[in-house]
Amino acid sequence: MDFRADNFYAAWRERSRAVLALHEAGPMPPEKLLQAVWQHQRVHRGGLKTLDGKPVRVLHPGFASVEGGPDFRGAVLQFGEAAPVAGDVEIDLQPGGWRAHGHDQNPAFKNVILHVIWNGSPGARSKAQGPETVLALENVLDAPIGELARALENESGLPEALRGKCCAPLRELAPEQLAGLLRSAAKVRFQNKAAAILARAKHCGWEQALWENLFRALGYKHNVWPMLGVAETKSRWAPGADSAFALQARMLGVSGLLPVELTRSQKNTDTFLRRAWDCWWRDRDALADCTLPRTVWKFHGLRPANHPQRRLALAAHWLAAGNLAGKIEGWIAAEIPDQALLDSLQQIFQVKQDEFWSWHWTFQSASMTKPQPLLGEARITDLAVNVVLPWLWTRANEGGSDRIRREVERRFLAWPSAEDNSVLKLARQRLLGAANARSLKGAAQQQGLMQIVRDFCEHSNAVCADCQFPELVRGCVGGEFKPEPVRVKLEPGKSKSERVLNDIISAVV
């Protein structure tokens, strides 16, 4: 087949799908296409100016956001002769989109430094009452919009030119070297978690430290602190509760998440609420000083299964079952093959069924047709690598049990991969140049990559300014690197110590 010959399918496609895409929003291209144009910088980069005539130099367009808020985070831009600044970029078709979409009232958009639109007049900014800097794309594209639509529709991931400076040297590492680097970084992350658990255990005891960290893990990134607040007062609200339901009523009351009004439309929910209030009203005054205001909880962007009401209900079952710490200690002492690790821990933490929460995501949701588990495999892995294994390791380390400590380490390195997340996706593309989640083998490698992001990427910017990591990696290429004392310029409170950095590097070779 001659690929140079006319292709009838290409002609069909031109007349239908590709062309129709341009008219999705009427005479303007779809916003998704403008986002792709900005990410891949398909513009005349040397001639960009804001609507008020100020030159714009894009040092880095930022990273596409997948969790709401501005479309691109962490962009590095230079306006005129001023020093480069870092901030967010929002893409809208028209200047009025800033107010129409509520960005002017949303604190998540406070760091936007550039509002990118399709077209607009010099006076459009004042009418929109948005950021002072507005850039129109219509007349600065490097190709016709129809051509860009076809070129960018199958593009995914981070463009090669926008990846981290460490991406190239990381690709040159032998597979075993890269695995060793990620494993060494994972060990640092693991030991940091263990050290935090130990510090807390010295004040409140091993079992309370376990519960506090389990509650933190159930809060995920949105509600870590209110979950911890509930756990810290466990000695107040747990005594005397003789069932999972009684514990649920008290925790929902103490958390401030027990609704004060019935739904009047869902019988099962209203029945549950009446029973819960029958329990809670007796204890409410006595526990008033440890009751949290509802305003401390965040619900935006939460998956229904992760709602804190449902997670507290799950923890109530753990408490009601009793002796969770003993079950975990028995689990680490048992001989369990690697392929059965996840299932064996799930048997400890999974709840067979809850009369209400197996059938509801929240108090507002309708009853489901089929019961849903209160805890999935992905969350079991999160609990294992973030709480259970570090808790067991630091107990064994403090108690001088080398056998248990080594077994914990072995299970950590053998644990299957956790669920993918936005941090891992961006890190894989930026550091490893890999979009596929399978490029990381196991939870330990995922943890190692996240530690590198924490230690280096979070202390630099999108253009990797002053980041030491690329040079450190280059020293490993070819196996010729000999670790020497590394002198890193550290800002107070911003990075790990030189000793930890040297430990990571030394462990690779």
Foldseek 3Di string as FASTA:
>chain_A
DDPVDDDVVVVVCLVPVLVVQQCPPHVHHDQVLVLLCLLVVQFQQQDWAFLQGWRKHWPHSAPADPQDAARGAFTWMDTHPDDIDTFGEHEDAALLCCVVVPVVPDPSHVRHQEYEHADDHSCRNVVNVDHPGYTHGPPTGNDDSSVSSVVRVPDDFHDPVLFALQQVLLQLADPLLNVLLLLLLLVVVLLVLLVVLVVVCVPVNLVLSLQLQVQLLLLPPQGNVLSSLLSVCCVPQVPPQQALLLQLLSSCQQAQNLDPDAPVPAPVLNVSSVVSCVNCVVCCVVSVVSRDHNVSGDDRSDDLLSPVSLSSSLVSRLVNVDDLVVLLVVLLVDDDDLVCNLVSLCVSRWDPDDPPSQQGSGSPDHGHPGGDTSDDSLSSVSCLSNRSLSSQLSVCVVVVPPVSNVSSSVSQVSAADHDDDPVQQNLCCRRNVDNDPVVQGGNSSSSSSVSCCQAFVVLAGSRRPLTPVSVLSNLPRPNNHDDDQDDHDDDPPRHDDSVSVSSSSVSSD
